[in-house]
Amino acid sequence: MSITVNGLDELKKLAGSDLGTSEWIEVTQERIDTFADATGDHQWIHVDPERAAAGPFGAPIAHGYLTLSLFIPLFTELLDVQGVTTKVNYGLNKVRFPSPVKVGSRIRLVGKLAEVEEVPGGVQITVDGAIEIEGGAKPAAVLQSLSRFYA
C-alpha cells in the first residue's frame, strides 16, 4: 500500500518513517535474459539454466544489478510524491548483495525514509531498503538510496 504525500512539506514530515513493504514480484528467466541482453552480461550463471543447475547455486541467479534495478518499481509502490515538478534518482550511498536471487524466486522491498534534507529548489531523501527473498534467511540486497524531489 502506497503512502501518498502532496508536496515537499508533507514529505519532510515523513522523515524517520517506515514505508512498509511492496508486493512480491517474480524474477523470471525471461527477465534475467532481457537484463543480460540490455547490459551485455551473459555470464552462464545467469543465462544458461542447464549449466547453472550444476553450478554453485543449483539454478540460474539474477544479476545483482538486476535486483538493484528493481528497487525503483518496488519503491514506487511504497511512496508516491505528488505536487512536485521533478523526481530524480540521485545515487546510492551503499549497496550489498547478501544472497543470490534464484530464477523463479519472488522478491519485495521493505523501506524506511531515513532522512529528508533540503537542497536548492527541493529536498533529498535517503531511503534505507532491503530487498527480501520470499522464504529466504538473508535479503537479496540492502541499500541506501538517494532521490531528489523539486518543487
C-alpha atoms as a PDB file:
ATOM      1  CA  MET A   1       0.000   0.000   0.000  1.00  0.00           C
ATOM      2  CA  SER A   2       1.467   3.283  -1.088  1.00  0.00           C
ATOM      3  CA  ILE A   3       1.866   6.341   1.111  1.00  0.00           C
ATOM      4  CA  THR A   4       0.890   9.438  -0.860  1.00  0.00           C
ATOM      5  CA  VAL A   5       2.160  12.888   0.070  1.00  0.00           C
ATOM      6  CA  ASN A   6       1.357  16.182  -1.580  1.00  0.00           C
ATOM      7  CA  GLY A   7       4.358  18.460  -1.764  1.00  0.00           C
ATOM      8  CA  LEU A   8       7.687  18.815  -0.074  1.00  0.00           C
ATOM      9  CA  ASP A   9       6.345  19.903   3.315  1.00  0.00           C
ATOM     10  CA  GLU A  10       4.344  16.683   3.688  1.00  0.00           C
ATOM     11  CA  LEU A  11       7.369  14.686   2.547  1.00  0.00           C
ATOM     12  CA  LYS A  12       9.556  16.327   5.211  1.00  0.00           C
ATOM     13  CA  LYS A  13       7.105  15.217   7.910  1.00  0.00           C
ATOM     14  CA  LEU A  14       7.698  11.561   6.951  1.00  0.00           C
ATOM     15  CA  ALA A  15      11.396  11.604   7.875  1.00  0.00           C
ATOM     16  CA  GLY A  16      12.183   8.570  10.014  1.00  0.00           C
ATOM     17  CA  SER A  17       9.001   6.724   8.983  1.00  0.00           C
ATOM     18  CA  ASP A  18       8.706   3.121   7.933  1.00  0.00           C
ATOM     19  CA  LEU A  19       7.326   2.969   4.406  1.00  0.00           C
ATOM     20  CA  GLY A  20       6.144  -0.628   4.620  1.00  0.00           C
ATOM     21  CA  THR A  21       6.593  -3.392   2.081  1.00  0.00           C
ATOM     22  CA  SER A  22       5.898  -3.690  -1.618  1.00  0.00           C
ATOM     23  CA  GLU A  23       4.076  -6.542  -3.283  1.00  0.00           C
ATOM     24  CA  TRP A  24       6.066  -9.631  -4.262  1.00  0.00           C
ATOM     25  CA  ILE A  25       7.352  -9.857  -7.834  1.00  0.00           C
ATOM     26  CA  GLU A  26       8.734 -12.961  -9.503  1.00  0.00           C
ATOM     27  CA  VAL A  27      12.201 -12.913 -11.038  1.00  0.00           C
ATOM     28  CA  THR A  28      11.790 -14.992 -14.181  1.00  0.00           C
ATOM     29  CA  GLN A  29      14.381 -16.355 -16.574  1.00  0.00           C
ATOM     30  CA  GLU A  30      12.895 -14.081 -19.237  1.00  0.00           C
ATOM     31  CA  ARG A  31      13.553 -11.011 -17.041  1.00  0.00           C
ATOM     32  CA  ILE A  32      17.134 -12.195 -16.407  1.00  0.00           C
ATOM     33  CA  ASP A  33      17.728 -12.820 -20.125  1.00  0.00           C
ATOM     34  CA  THR A  34      16.330  -9.396 -21.036  1.00  0.00           C
ATOM     35  CA  PHE A  35      18.643  -7.752 -18.491  1.00  0.00           C
ATOM     36  CA  ALA A  36      21.580  -9.740 -19.867  1.00  0.00           C
ATOM     37  CA  ASP A  37      20.762  -8.519 -23.375  1.00  0.00           C
ATOM     38  CA  ALA A  38      20.441  -4.911 -22.195  1.00  0.00           C
ATOM     39  CA  THR A  39      23.773  -4.946 -20.341  1.00  0.00           C
ATOM     40  CA  GLY A  40      25.822  -7.410 -22.378  1.00  0.00           C
ATOM     41  CA  ASP A  41      26.404  -9.537 -19.253  1.00  0.00           C
ATOM     42  CA  HIS A  42      25.693 -13.073 -20.479  1.00  0.00           C
ATOM     43  CA  GLN A  43      27.610 -14.970 -17.808  1.00  0.00           C
ATOM     44  CA  TRP A  44      26.437 -18.591 -17.756  1.00  0.00           C
ATOM     45  CA  ILE A  45      25.358 -18.443 -14.116  1.00  0.00           C
ATOM     46  CA  HIS A  46      22.561 -16.106 -15.234  1.00  0.00           C
ATOM     47  CA  VAL A  47      21.572 -17.241 -18.733  1.00  0.00           C
ATOM     48  CA  ASP A  48      22.408 -20.961 -19.084  1.00  0.00           C
ATOM     49  CA  PRO A  49      19.825 -22.848 -16.993  1.00  0.00           C
ATOM     50  CA  GLU A  50      21.341 -26.276 -17.629  1.00  0.00           C
ATOM     51  CA  ARG A  51      24.881 -25.290 -16.695  1.00  0.00           C
ATOM     52  CA  ALA A  52      23.679 -23.123 -13.790  1.00  0.00           C
ATOM     53  CA  ALA A  53      21.702 -26.071 -12.373  1.00  0.00           C
ATOM     54  CA  ALA A  54      25.034 -27.834 -11.887  1.00  0.00           C
ATOM     55  CA  GLY A  55      26.683 -24.666 -10.548  1.00  0.00           C
ATOM     56  CA  PRO A  56      27.148 -23.393  -7.011  1.00  0.00           C
ATOM     57  CA  PHE A  57      23.536 -22.186  -6.546  1.00  0.00           C
ATOM     58  CA  GLY A  58      21.693 -25.082  -8.223  1.00  0.00           C
ATOM     59  CA  ALA A  59      19.829 -22.745 -10.587  1.00  0.00           C
ATOM     60  CA  PRO A  60      20.358 -19.590 -12.618  1.00  0.00           C
ATOM     61  CA  ILE A  61      20.560 -16.457 -10.488  1.00  0.00           C
ATOM     62  CA  ALA A  62      19.641 -12.861 -11.230  1.00  0.00           C
ATOM     63  CA  HIS A  63      22.389 -10.347 -11.789  1.00  0.00           C
ATOM     64  CA  GLY A  64      22.977  -8.301  -8.640  1.00  0.00           C
ATOM     65  CA  TYR A  65      22.400  -5.151 -10.650  1.00  0.00           C
ATOM     66  CA  LEU A  66      19.109  -6.541 -11.967  1.00  0.00           C
ATOM     67  CA  THR A  67      17.999  -6.980  -8.372  1.00  0.00           C
ATOM     68  CA  LEU A  68      19.153  -3.440  -7.628  1.00  0.00           C
ATOM     69  CA  SER A  69      17.321  -2.045 -10.682  1.00  0.00           C
ATOM     70  CA  LEU A  70      14.066  -3.493  -9.363  1.00  0.00           C
ATOM     71  CA  PHE A  71      14.320  -1.111  -6.407  1.00  0.00           C
ATOM     72  CA  ILE A  72      12.644   1.633  -8.460  1.00  0.00           C
ATOM     73  CA  PRO A  73       9.416  -0.180  -9.439  1.00  0.00           C
ATOM     74  CA  LEU A  74       9.190  -1.670  -5.947  1.00  0.00           C
ATOM     75  CA  PHE A  75       9.815   1.718  -4.300  1.00  0.00           C
ATOM     76  CA  THR A  76       7.055   3.388  -6.322  1.00  0.00           C
ATOM     77  CA  GLU A  77       4.651   1.015  -4.545  1.00  0.00           C
ATOM     78  CA  LEU A  78       5.748   2.441  -1.183  1.00  0.00           C
ATOM     79  CA  LEU A  79       5.834   6.209  -1.673  1.00  0.00           C
ATOM     80  CA  ASP A  80       4.019   8.467  -4.138  1.00  0.00           C
ATOM     81  CA  VAL A  81       5.108  12.106  -4.024  1.00  0.00           C
ATOM     82  CA  GLN A  82       2.606  14.432  -5.702  1.00  0.00           C
ATOM     83  CA  GLY A  83       2.817  18.195  -6.177  1.00  0.00           C
ATOM     84  CA  VAL A  84       6.424  18.267  -7.380  1.00  0.00           C
ATOM     85  CA  THR A  85       7.775  19.067 -10.823  1.00  0.00           C
ATOM     86  CA  THR A  86      10.713  16.663 -10.987  1.00  0.00           C
ATOM     87  CA  LYS A  87      11.762  13.375  -9.383  1.00  0.00           C
ATOM     88  CA  VAL A  88      15.393  12.302  -9.816  1.00  0.00           C
ATOM     89  CA  ASN A  89      17.390   9.276  -8.711  1.00  0.00           C
ATOM     90  CA  TYR A  90      20.448  10.893  -7.166  1.00  0.00           C
ATOM     91  CA  GLY A  91      22.556   7.859  -6.313  1.00  0.00           C
ATOM     92  CA  LEU A  92      23.402   5.299  -3.698  1.00  0.00           C
ATOM     93  CA  ASN A  93      25.414   5.502  -0.513  1.00  0.00           C
ATOM     94  CA  LYS A  94      25.875   1.772  -0.137  1.00  0.00           C
ATOM     95  CA  VAL A  95      24.721  -1.492  -1.655  1.00  0.00           C
ATOM     96  CA  ARG A  96      25.351  -5.097  -0.683  1.00  0.00           C
ATOM     97  CA  PHE A  97      24.050  -8.372  -2.154  1.00  0.00           C
ATOM     98  CA  PRO A  98      23.973 -10.831   0.788  1.00  0.00           C
ATOM     99  CA  SER A  99      22.037 -13.578  -1.006  1.00  0.00           C
ATOM    100  CA  PRO A 100      21.545 -14.546  -4.666  1.00  0.00           C
ATOM    101  CA  VAL A 101      18.097 -14.465  -6.267  1.00  0.00           C
ATOM    102  CA  LYS A 102      17.417 -17.791  -7.970  1.00  0.00           C
ATOM    103  CA  VAL A 103      15.240 -17.831 -11.051  1.00  0.00           C
ATOM    104  CA  GLY A 104      11.596 -18.202 -10.041  1.00  0.00           C
ATOM    105  CA  SER A 105      12.108 -16.517  -6.669  1.00  0.00           C
ATOM    106  CA  ARG A 106       9.826 -13.750  -5.504  1.00  0.00           C
ATOM    107  CA  ILE A 107      11.241 -10.544  -4.054  1.00  0.00           C
ATOM    108  CA  ARG A 108       9.849  -7.462  -2.346  1.00  0.00           C
ATOM    109  CA  LEU A 109      11.128  -4.207  -0.888  1.00  0.00           C
ATOM    110  CA  VAL A 110      10.989  -3.133   2.744  1.00  0.00           C
ATOM    111  CA  GLY A 111      11.736   0.577   3.080  1.00  0.00           C
ATOM    112  CA  LYS A 112      12.314   3.294   5.626  1.00  0.00           C
ATOM    113  CA  LEU A 113      12.532   7.008   4.900  1.00  0.00           C
ATOM    114  CA  ALA A 114      15.715   7.555   6.896  1.00  0.00           C
ATOM    115  CA  GLU A 115      16.283  11.228   6.157  1.00  0.00           C
ATOM    116  CA  VAL A 116      14.822  14.227   4.343  1.00  0.00           C
ATOM    117  CA  GLU A 117      17.120  17.193   3.825  1.00  0.00           C
ATOM    118  CA  GLU A 118      16.724  20.430   1.952  1.00  0.00           C
ATOM    119  CA  VAL A 119      18.690  21.022  -1.254  1.00  0.00           C
ATOM    120  CA  PRO A 120      18.466  24.044  -3.564  1.00  0.00           C
ATOM    121  CA  GLY A 121      14.967  24.001  -5.061  1.00  0.00           C
ATOM    122  CA  GLY A 122      13.775  20.865  -3.297  1.00  0.00           C
ATOM    123  CA  VAL A 123      14.596  18.018  -0.949  1.00  0.00           C
ATOM    124  CA  GLN A 124      16.795  14.965  -0.992  1.00  0.00           C
ATOM    125  CA  ILE A 125      15.556  11.796   0.645  1.00  0.00           C
ATOM    126  CA  THR A 126      17.603   8.899   1.926  1.00  0.00           C
ATOM    127  CA  VAL A 127      15.800   5.549   1.886  1.00  0.00           C
ATOM    128  CA  ASP A 128      17.111   2.507   3.728  1.00  0.00           C
ATOM    129  CA  GLY A 129      15.913  -0.507   1.781  1.00  0.00           C
ATOM    130  CA  ALA A 130      16.101  -4.269   1.925  1.00  0.00           C
ATOM    131  CA  ILE A 131      15.037  -6.427  -0.993  1.00  0.00           C
ATOM    132  CA  GLU A 132      13.812  -9.622   0.604  1.00  0.00           C
ATOM    133  CA  ILE A 133      13.558 -13.048  -0.983  1.00  0.00           C
ATOM    134  CA  GLU A 134      10.392 -14.920  -0.122  1.00  0.00           C
ATOM    135  CA  GLY A 135      11.364 -17.664   2.336  1.00  0.00           C
ATOM    136  CA  GLY A 136      14.996 -16.518   2.373  1.00  0.00           C
ATOM    137  CA  ALA A 137      17.083 -16.178   5.521  1.00  0.00           C
ATOM    138  CA  LYS A 138      19.015 -13.178   4.160  1.00  0.00           C
ATOM    139  CA  PRO A 139      17.958 -10.334   1.863  1.00  0.00           C
ATOM    140  CA  ALA A 140      18.964 -10.233  -1.775  1.00  0.00           C
ATOM    141  CA  ALA A 141      20.091  -6.627  -1.419  1.00  0.00           C
ATOM    142  CA  VAL A 142      20.450  -3.990   1.259  1.00  0.00           C
ATOM    143  CA  LEU A 143      20.891  -0.436   0.107  1.00  0.00           C
ATOM    144  CA  GLN A 144      20.704   3.221   0.892  1.00  0.00           C
ATOM    145  CA  SER A 145      19.176   5.155  -1.994  1.00  0.00           C
ATOM    146  CA  LEU A 146      19.132   8.906  -2.591  1.00  0.00           C
ATOM    147  CA  SER A 147      16.400  10.692  -4.543  1.00  0.00           C
ATOM    148  CA  ARG A 148      15.652  14.352  -5.116  1.00  0.00           C
ATOM    149  CA  PHE A 149      12.275  15.999  -5.492  1.00  0.00           C
ATOM    150  CA  TYR A 150      11.964  19.521  -6.844  1.00  0.00           C
ATOM    151  CA  ALA A 151       9.080  21.972  -6.298  1.00  0.00           C
END
